[in-house]
Amino acid sequence: MNGFWLNGTHFVLCERSASMTRNSILSFIDAAISDPVYEAITMGAGPGPTVISKLMAYRGLCLSSCHCLNGFRPKVIVVPDYECVLPQQHIKYIYDEKTSFTNADGKEIPWTQKNVAGGYRDINVTPFDGCGIHHPAITDEVQFRLSSTDSPTTILWRAPYIKGLTCEVDYPTFYAERGVTSIKDIWGVSHDVTPDAEPMIILSKSMYKGFKYFQTNKDATDWEYYWEQFEKYGYCLGVAKWNFNKDIEPVYTRCNYQVLQTLNLPYQEFVELATDSIKWAQKIIDGDPFYSMCFLGLTADKCNPLNDYAKSVVKNPAMLKQYEVRSYLISLLTKYIDEMCCGKIWIKSCFKFLIPDLIAFMEAAAGIDPVGCLGDNEFYCITKEGPMCGDKLITRNPHICDSENVVLHAINNELTSKYLSHLVNTCIINSKSIIPQRLNGADFDGDLVLVFDDDRLLNGVDKNAIPVIDVDDKITTEPEEFTPENRLKVILRTMKNLIGEYSNYATVYRNRCGKTEEQRDKYEKYIDIISVLTGKSINNRWPALVTA
């Protein structure tokens, strides 16, 4: 709490990014410059009583790795979050069960532990949580400033108190077709959205984490003040990540054991899934020029040999038949073969940005009833072969229980074709079902999902599995004063990342073959609880498993 001294310099606790939290890393700063740095990070906003874990995460954005777009100041507006209720969803959920036990002295001790219940419940959702849109001109300008060969139609933004993702959409044309000339921001100010208007980045309120901290006048002047402070402290908009283009998006991805162990496939079908991986490895072992050179990264658009072995292959592909080169290839391949034995096999699939129904987003931003372009079991996804069609399996890492296997029907219609067909490397899901909640409480601020294009997997999905939902997903601790003592409590509570342990626990219980129905139900309940706890760990919400 008081820091430490090193070579005569007093160091005190500084900020930490989300990745630092996940890896239990702390940063320290010279106490002599701590106060001015703190002021710059907060931009002069006094937090008052707040949820400390959230504020620390927002302040940690200053340490995010990103590409800085110096001097780039487009028009940015913030529109209200659209919230709705999905009625009577059949789910399983976690609740606190009060029980007791008798200790060694014969005294009965009250006890509260997690248990699983099922039923039909109304689910409150924010269908566009963490996501917004931007004008096509913004894409062009960002691509120029990044010197990127890929068109950044999907951009993960970073700025003080701003975090989330926007997608390029031709909103002027969309609104012109519907007779909409302006939309209102969260302060009630109207903004022109006609074709001749200034290009904008349109954020949802969930992306602007500073809304509760910049509340001097509680009107648009607070937003103006934010940007004054932004300039005063020398900040810039940053891009943390953007999409692949259609030509270089991976077609095959190595799956892991977590997905495979939740699929109920007959032995022979399971063996067939590994066929592509076995053939791939065998081709490299045999010195096939195409497979071997791709494995070494020696492709036409990227030929940068890493060592003398690779250089010799570039100069003369016949070297692939030489014993020493083949031995080198096999030594590299051994790691892959070992991991295949643990479930890491090549399956036709790709990680993609999880995106909400952007047609519904634009409708909601304009005050129109958000019907959207996708039904409650539909999604839209573009590949280099064109729009996906038919039922597809969608998962997210880490993957714990059967109900996290989401099967949606891929479609293409007039609206998706006209307004969304350029959004490659994305999985656009409907806003009428509890898909994000099923995927460990995912949202749309840059989360990735794995979209499979292999119909064999569908045979192993339990389509009757009842979704396990964290019904307390947005519940956080009570606001506290931002004191060193309270800050230390939060750090100690989040120093250990349990996601890997939770995944291992789930595997243990999944591989235990219960002899009775009661045992099998107990193991399934444990896996359901672990699924919810994993989602909480991903989002840094830390419940107690049991309390006395």
Foldseek 3Di string as FASTA:
>chain_A
DQADDDPRFGWDWDAAEPVCLQQLHTDIDGPVCRVVVVCLLLLNFADFFDQLVVVSNLSNLVVADFAFQPPDDAAEFEAEFDKDKQFFAWFKEKDWDWDWDADPVRDIGIKIFIFIDTGTGIAIDRQAQQEFAWEQVVQVVVCVSVVDPDRQQKFFKTDRQFTFIYGYWLLQVVCVVVVFQWFAHPQGDTAGSHPVGGIYTYHYPNRRRCLSRQPPPPHCVSVVSVVVSCVVSRHGMTTNDGFDAQVPFDQKFFDFVLLVLLFADPPVLVVVQQVVQVVLLVCLLQLPLVSVCVVQVCDPVGHDGPDPLSVVCVVPVVCSNPPVSSVVSVVVCVVVVVRVVRRGGIARKGKAAEGEQVQLVSCVRRVHRRPGDDDPQEKWAAHSVGIDAAWWWKAAPPHFHQLRGRIGGYDDDDVCVVIPRRDHRYIYHYSNDCNCQLRLNDHRRGGIMMIGPDCSRVNRHDPPDHRYGHSCLPDADGTDGPDPVVSVVLSVQSSDQCLVVLRVLSVVLSPDDDPDPVSVVVSNRSSSVSSNQNSCSSVVGHDDRMDD
